[in-house]
Amino acid sequence: MPSAELTPPEAARWAARAGLPLPDDRHAAVAATADHIHSVVAVLRELDFGDTPPASAYRAGKEKHDAAV
C-alpha cells in the first residue's frame, strides 16, 4: 500500500511534537531521510521469514566446525 511522501512542513510538525524542534533549513533533509527509512522498512515488511527461528534460539559457541574441504 503506497503512502504519500512526508513533506518538509509535516516533518517539522512531527519533530516538534516529539520534542525535537528543527531549524528551518533541516526540514527538507529530515523529510527525505524519513521517506528513505520508510521505504526500507516497507521492503523488510514484505520479506517472508518462513521457518526462520528467532535470534534467541541461536547459541553461539555450540557450532560444530568441520575441517573437511
PDB file of N, CA and C in Angstrom:
ATOM      1  N   MET A   1       0.834  -1.164   0.000  1.00  0.00           N
ATOM      2  CA  MET A   1       0.000   0.000   0.000  1.00  0.00           C
ATOM      3  C   MET A   1       0.889   1.240   0.000  1.00  0.00           C
ATOM      4  N   PRO A   2       0.972   1.957  -1.112  1.00  0.00           N
ATOM      5  CA  PRO A   2       1.822   3.131  -1.173  1.00  0.00           C
ATOM      6  C   PRO A   2       1.254   4.261  -0.317  1.00  0.00           C
ATOM      7  N   SER A   3       2.151   5.041   0.240  1.00  0.00           N
ATOM      8  CA  SER A   3       1.712   6.179   1.037  1.00  0.00           C
ATOM      9  C   SER A   3       2.375   7.435   0.494  1.00  0.00           C
ATOM     10  N   ALA A   4       1.784   8.563   0.794  1.00  0.00           N
ATOM     11  CA  ALA A   4       2.328   9.835   0.332  1.00  0.00           C
ATOM     12  C   ALA A   4       3.637  10.126   1.045  1.00  0.00           C
ATOM     13  N   GLU A   5       4.509  10.808   0.335  1.00  0.00           N
ATOM     14  CA  GLU A   5       5.788  11.167   0.946  1.00  0.00           C
ATOM     15  C   GLU A   5       5.572  12.223   2.027  1.00  0.00           C
ATOM     16  N   LEU A   6       6.451  12.212   2.997  1.00  0.00           N
ATOM     17  CA  LEU A   6       6.400  13.182   4.079  1.00  0.00           C
ATOM     18  C   LEU A   6       6.904  14.524   3.548  1.00  0.00           C
ATOM     19  N   THR A   7       6.130  15.564   3.758  1.00  0.00           N
ATOM     20  CA  THR A   7       6.544  16.895   3.299  1.00  0.00           C
ATOM     21  C   THR A   7       7.413  17.554   4.371  1.00  0.00           C
ATOM     22  N   PRO A   8       8.246  18.513   3.971  1.00  0.00           N
ATOM     23  CA  PRO A   8       9.066  19.201   4.973  1.00  0.00           C
ATOM     24  C   PRO A   8       8.257  19.837   6.105  1.00  0.00           C
ATOM     25  N   PRO A   9       7.106  20.493   5.829  1.00  0.00           N
ATOM     26  CA  PRO A   9       6.338  21.029   6.962  1.00  0.00           C
ATOM     27  C   PRO A   9       5.804  19.933   7.898  1.00  0.00           C
ATOM     28  N   GLU A  10       5.417  18.785   7.317  1.00  0.00           N
ATOM     29  CA  GLU A  10       4.954  17.680   8.167  1.00  0.00           C
ATOM     30  C   GLU A  10       6.104  17.143   9.017  1.00  0.00           C
ATOM     31  N   ALA A  11       7.295  17.040   8.427  1.00  0.00           N
ATOM     32  CA  ALA A  11       8.463  16.575   9.187  1.00  0.00           C
ATOM     33  C   ALA A  11       8.735  17.511  10.352  1.00  0.00           C
ATOM     34  N   ALA A  12       8.643  18.810  10.112  1.00  0.00           N
ATOM     35  CA  ALA A  12       8.861  19.785  11.186  1.00  0.00           C
ATOM     36  C   ALA A  12       7.807  19.644  12.276  1.00  0.00           C
ATOM     37  N   ARG A  13       6.560  19.424  11.861  1.00  0.00           N
ATOM     38  CA  ARG A  13       5.470  19.286  12.829  1.00  0.00           C
ATOM     39  C   ARG A  13       5.660  18.038  13.687  1.00  0.00           C
ATOM     40  N   TRP A  14       5.998  16.905  13.046  1.00  0.00           N
ATOM     41  CA  TRP A  14       6.204  15.666  13.796  1.00  0.00           C
ATOM     42  C   TRP A  14       7.423  15.762  14.713  1.00  0.00           C
ATOM     43  N   ALA A  15       8.471  16.400  14.249  1.00  0.00           N
ATOM     44  CA  ALA A  15       9.664  16.569  15.087  1.00  0.00           C
ATOM     45  C   ALA A  15       9.333  17.435  16.310  1.00  0.00           C
ATOM     46  N   ALA A  16       8.630  18.524  16.082  1.00  0.00           N
ATOM     47  CA  ALA A  16       8.253  19.393  17.208  1.00  0.00           C
ATOM     48  C   ALA A  16       7.359  18.651  18.188  1.00  0.00           C
ATOM     49  N   ARG A  17       6.475  17.834  17.646  1.00  0.00           N
ATOM     50  CA  ARG A  17       5.575  17.051  18.501  1.00  0.00           C
ATOM     51  C   ARG A  17       6.347  16.059  19.369  1.00  0.00           C
ATOM     52  N   ALA A  18       7.480  15.589  18.851  1.00  0.00           N
ATOM     53  CA  ALA A  18       8.326  14.654  19.597  1.00  0.00           C
ATOM     54  C   ALA A  18       9.306  15.379  20.514  1.00  0.00           C
ATOM     55  N   GLY A  19       9.227  16.715  20.534  1.00  0.00           N
ATOM     56  CA  GLY A  19      10.117  17.484  21.401  1.00  0.00           C
ATOM     57  C   GLY A  19      11.465  17.765  20.769  1.00  0.00           C
ATOM     58  N   LEU A  20      11.539  17.676  19.446  1.00  0.00           N
ATOM     59  CA  LEU A  20      12.785  17.901  18.717  1.00  0.00           C
ATOM     60  C   LEU A  20      12.598  19.007  17.679  1.00  0.00           C
ATOM     61  N   PRO A  21      12.482  20.242  18.118  1.00  0.00           N
ATOM     62  CA  PRO A  21      12.281  21.318  17.143  1.00  0.00           C
ATOM     63  C   PRO A  21      13.462  21.393  16.173  1.00  0.00           C
ATOM     64  N   LEU A  22      13.139  21.600  14.894  1.00  0.00           N
ATOM     65  CA  LEU A  22      14.160  21.632  13.848  1.00  0.00           C
ATOM     66  C   LEU A  22      14.362  23.042  13.324  1.00  0.00           C
ATOM     67  N   PRO A  23      15.624  23.390  12.999  1.00  0.00           N
ATOM     68  CA  PRO A  23      15.840  24.648  12.298  1.00  0.00           C
ATOM     69  C   PRO A  23      15.187  24.560  10.913  1.00  0.00           C
ATOM     70  N   ASP A  24      14.762  25.684  10.381  1.00  0.00           N
ATOM     71  CA  ASP A  24      14.064  25.707   9.096  1.00  0.00           C
ATOM     72  C   ASP A  24      14.849  25.040   7.974  1.00  0.00           C
ATOM     73  N   ASP A  25      16.167  25.157   7.995  1.00  0.00           N
ATOM     74  CA  ASP A  25      16.972  24.596   6.902  1.00  0.00           C
ATOM     75  C   ASP A  25      17.100  23.072   6.974  1.00  0.00           C
ATOM     76  N   ARG A  26      16.597  22.432   8.013  1.00  0.00           N
ATOM     77  CA  ARG A  26      16.702  20.977   8.172  1.00  0.00           C
ATOM     78  C   ARG A  26      15.417  20.235   7.798  1.00  0.00           C
ATOM     79  N   HIS A  27      14.317  20.933   7.600  1.00  0.00           N
ATOM     80  CA  HIS A  27      13.027  20.292   7.339  1.00  0.00           C
ATOM     81  C   HIS A  27      13.074  19.359   6.132  1.00  0.00           C
ATOM     82  N   ALA A  28      13.625  19.822   5.028  1.00  0.00           N
ATOM     83  CA  ALA A  28      13.661  19.010   3.803  1.00  0.00           C
ATOM     84  C   ALA A  28      14.543  17.779   3.980  1.00  0.00           C
ATOM     85  N   ALA A  29      15.690  17.944   4.629  1.00  0.00           N
ATOM     86  CA  ALA A  29      16.594  16.810   4.828  1.00  0.00           C
ATOM     87  C   ALA A  29      15.966  15.756   5.733  1.00  0.00           C
ATOM     88  N   VAL A  30      15.295  16.193   6.777  1.00  0.00           N
ATOM     89  CA  VAL A  30      14.646  15.247   7.690  1.00  0.00           C
ATOM     90  C   VAL A  30      13.512  14.519   6.978  1.00  0.00           C
ATOM     91  N   ALA A  31      12.746  15.237   6.177  1.00  0.00           N
ATOM     92  CA  ALA A  31      11.654  14.605   5.430  1.00  0.00           C
ATOM     93  C   ALA A  31      12.196  13.561   4.461  1.00  0.00           C
ATOM     94  N   ALA A  32      13.283  13.884   3.760  1.00  0.00           N
ATOM     95  CA  ALA A  32      13.875  12.934   2.814  1.00  0.00           C
ATOM     96  C   ALA A  32      14.417  11.709   3.538  1.00  0.00           C
ATOM     97  N   THR A  33      15.048  11.902   4.674  1.00  0.00           N
ATOM     98  CA  THR A  33      15.583  10.777   5.450  1.00  0.00           C
ATOM     99  C   THR A  33      14.457   9.891   5.970  1.00  0.00           C
ATOM    100  N   ALA A  34      13.396  10.504   6.462  1.00  0.00           N
ATOM    101  CA  ALA A  34      12.249   9.731   6.958  1.00  0.00           C
ATOM    102  C   ALA A  34      11.609   8.933   5.828  1.00  0.00           C
ATOM    103  N   ASP A  35      11.508   9.518   4.642  1.00  0.00           N
ATOM    104  CA  ASP A  35      10.945   8.799   3.499  1.00  0.00           C
ATOM    105  C   ASP A  35      11.815   7.608   3.116  1.00  0.00           C
ATOM    106  N   HIS A  36      13.141   7.798   3.171  1.00  0.00           N
ATOM    107  CA  HIS A  36      14.044   6.694   2.847  1.00  0.00           C
ATOM    108  C   HIS A  36      13.893   5.557   3.858  1.00  0.00           C
ATOM    109  N   ILE A  37      13.871   5.899   5.134  1.00  0.00           N
ATOM    110  CA  ILE A  37      13.704   4.880   6.175  1.00  0.00           C
ATOM    111  C   ILE A  37      12.381   4.147   5.978  1.00  0.00           C
ATOM    112  N   HIS A  38      11.332   4.882   5.671  1.00  0.00           N
ATOM    113  CA  HIS A  38      10.026   4.265   5.442  1.00  0.00           C
ATOM    114  C   HIS A  38      10.080   3.286   4.271  1.00  0.00           C
ATOM    115  N   SER A  39      10.787   3.639   3.200  1.00  0.00           N
ATOM    116  CA  SER A  39      10.869   2.741   2.038  1.00  0.00           C
ATOM    117  C   SER A  39      11.653   1.473   2.369  1.00  0.00           C
ATOM    118  N   VAL A  40      12.698   1.594   3.186  1.00  0.00           N
ATOM    119  CA  VAL A  40      13.472   0.415   3.587  1.00  0.00           C
ATOM    120  C   VAL A  40      12.636  -0.498   4.475  1.00  0.00           C
ATOM    121  N   VAL A  41      11.929   0.072   5.428  1.00  0.00           N
ATOM    122  CA  VAL A  41      11.084  -0.721   6.322  1.00  0.00           C
ATOM    123  C   VAL A  41       9.970  -1.408   5.534  1.00  0.00           C
ATOM    124  N   ALA A  42       9.427  -0.727   4.533  1.00  0.00           N
ATOM    125  CA  ALA A  42       8.371  -1.325   3.714  1.00  0.00           C
ATOM    126  C   ALA A  42       8.879  -2.573   2.998  1.00  0.00           C
ATOM    127  N   VAL A  43      10.115  -2.539   2.509  1.00  0.00           N
ATOM    128  CA  VAL A  43      10.702  -3.709   1.846  1.00  0.00           C
ATOM    129  C   VAL A  43      10.906  -4.831   2.863  1.00  0.00           C
ATOM    130  N   LEU A  44      11.382  -4.503   4.046  1.00  0.00           N
ATOM    131  CA  LEU A  44      11.601  -5.528   5.075  1.00  0.00           C
ATOM    132  C   LEU A  44      10.292  -6.189   5.487  1.00  0.00           C
ATOM    133  N   ARG A  45       9.213  -5.424   5.506  1.00  0.00           N
ATOM    134  CA  ARG A  45       7.917  -5.992   5.881  1.00  0.00           C
ATOM    135  C   ARG A  45       7.412  -6.996   4.862  1.00  0.00           C
ATOM    136  N   GLU A  46       7.896  -6.912   3.632  1.00  0.00           N
ATOM    137  CA  GLU A  46       7.458  -7.825   2.579  1.00  0.00           C
ATOM    138  C   GLU A  46       8.215  -9.149   2.596  1.00  0.00           C
ATOM    139  N   LEU A  47       9.306  -9.235   3.346  1.00  0.00           N
ATOM    140  CA  LEU A  47      10.102 -10.463   3.376  1.00  0.00           C
ATOM    141  C   LEU A  47       9.358 -11.580   4.093  1.00  0.00           C
ATOM    142  N   ASP A  48       9.502 -12.778   3.564  1.00  0.00           N
ATOM    143  CA  ASP A  48       8.900 -13.953   4.182  1.00  0.00           C
ATOM    144  C   ASP A  48       9.997 -14.713   4.917  1.00  0.00           C
ATOM    145  N   PHE A  49       9.957 -14.682   6.223  1.00  0.00           N
ATOM    146  CA  PHE A  49      10.979 -15.362   7.007  1.00  0.00           C
ATOM    147  C   PHE A  49      10.620 -16.818   7.269  1.00  0.00           C
ATOM    148  N   GLY A  50       9.418 -17.224   6.904  1.00  0.00           N
ATOM    149  CA  GLY A  50       9.016 -18.623   6.983  1.00  0.00           C
ATOM    150  C   GLY A  50       9.345 -19.279   8.302  1.00  0.00           C
ATOM    151  N   ASP A  51      10.182 -20.312   8.240  1.00  0.00           N
ATOM    152  CA  ASP A  51      10.523 -21.093   9.426  1.00  0.00           C
ATOM    153  C   ASP A  51      11.796 -20.611  10.106  1.00  0.00           C
ATOM    154  N   THR A  52      12.205 -19.393   9.842  1.00  0.00           N
ATOM    155  CA  THR A  52      13.411 -18.869  10.472  1.00  0.00           C
ATOM    156  C   THR A  52      13.169 -18.715  11.969  1.00  0.00           C
ATOM    157  N   PRO A  53      13.989 -19.386  12.786  1.00  0.00           N
ATOM    158  CA  PRO A  53      13.782 -19.269  14.231  1.00  0.00           C
ATOM    159  C   PRO A  53      14.197 -17.885  14.721  1.00  0.00           C
ATOM    160  N   PRO A  54      13.669 -17.442  15.837  1.00  0.00           N
ATOM    161  CA  PRO A  54      14.059 -16.142  16.377  1.00  0.00           C
ATOM    162  C   PRO A  54      15.524 -16.154  16.804  1.00  0.00           C
ATOM    163  N   ALA A  55      16.124 -14.999  16.892  1.00  0.00           N
ATOM    164  CA  ALA A  55      17.535 -14.887  17.252  1.00  0.00           C
ATOM    165  C   ALA A  55      17.824 -15.510  18.614  1.00  0.00           C
ATOM    166  N   SER A  56      16.853 -15.516  19.500  1.00  0.00           N
ATOM    167  CA  SER A  56      17.075 -16.087  20.834  1.00  0.00           C
ATOM    168  C   SER A  56      17.310 -17.594  20.774  1.00  0.00           C
ATOM    169  N   ALA A  57      16.973 -18.247  19.662  1.00  0.00           N
ATOM    170  CA  ALA A  57      17.179 -19.686  19.516  1.00  0.00           C
ATOM    171  C   ALA A  57      18.615 -20.013  19.122  1.00  0.00           C
ATOM    172  N   TYR A  58      19.382 -19.022  18.672  1.00  0.00           N
ATOM    173  CA  TYR A  58      20.766 -19.243  18.241  1.00  0.00           C
ATOM    174  C   TYR A  58      21.689 -19.277  19.446  1.00  0.00           C
ATOM    175  N   ARG A  59      22.550 -20.255  19.505  1.00  0.00           N
ATOM    176  CA  ARG A  59      23.506 -20.379  20.596  1.00  0.00           C
ATOM    177  C   ARG A  59      24.924 -20.353  20.031  1.00  0.00           C
ATOM    178  N   ALA A  60      25.588 -19.247  20.220  1.00  0.00           N
ATOM    179  CA  ALA A  60      26.961 -19.106  19.739  1.00  0.00           C
ATOM    180  C   ALA A  60      27.871 -20.037  20.526  1.00  0.00           C
ATOM    181  N   GLY A  61      28.851 -20.593  19.868  1.00  0.00           N
ATOM    182  CA  GLY A  61      29.816 -21.448  20.531  1.00  0.00           C
ATOM    183  C   GLY A  61      29.442 -22.914  20.514  1.00  0.00           C
ATOM    184  N   LYS A  62      28.252 -23.258  20.103  1.00  0.00           N
ATOM    185  CA  LYS A  62      27.843 -24.656  20.064  1.00  0.00           C
ATOM    186  C   LYS A  62      27.870 -25.209  18.649  1.00  0.00           C
ATOM    187  N   GLU A  63      28.503 -24.467  17.753  1.00  0.00           N
ATOM    188  CA  GLU A  63      28.596 -24.928  16.378  1.00  0.00           C
ATOM    189  C   GLU A  63      29.697 -25.977  16.262  1.00  0.00           C
ATOM    190  N   LYS A  64      29.479 -26.962  15.393  1.00  0.00           N
ATOM    191  CA  LYS A  64      30.498 -27.961  15.137  1.00  0.00           C
ATOM    192  C   LYS A  64      31.232 -27.551  13.867  1.00  0.00           C
ATOM    193  N   HIS A  65      32.515 -27.349  13.997  1.00  0.00           N
ATOM    194  CA  HIS A  65      33.323 -26.953  12.855  1.00  0.00           C
ATOM    195  C   HIS A  65      33.961 -28.193  12.235  1.00  0.00           C
ATOM    196  N   ASP A  66      33.826 -28.327  10.950  1.00  0.00           N
ATOM    197  CA  ASP A  66      34.377 -29.465  10.224  1.00  0.00           C
ATOM    198  C   ASP A  66      35.482 -28.946   9.306  1.00  0.00           C
ATOM    199  N   ALA A  67      36.669 -29.473   9.473  1.00  0.00           N
ATOM    200  CA  ALA A  67      37.801 -29.005   8.692  1.00  0.00           C
ATOM    201  C   ALA A  67      37.864 -29.623   7.306  1.00  0.00           C
ATOM    202  N   ALA A  68      36.970 -30.544   7.001  1.00  0.00           N
ATOM    203  CA  ALA A  68      36.977 -31.177   5.684  1.00  0.00           C
ATOM    204  C   ALA A  68      36.615 -30.148   4.618  1.00  0.00           C
ATOM    205  N   VAL A  69      37.309 -30.284   3.492  1.00  0.00           N
ATOM    206  CA  VAL A  69      37.038 -29.375   2.382  1.00  0.00           C
ATOM    207  C   VAL A  69      36.308 -30.088   1.289  1.00  0.00           C
TER     208      VAL A  69
END
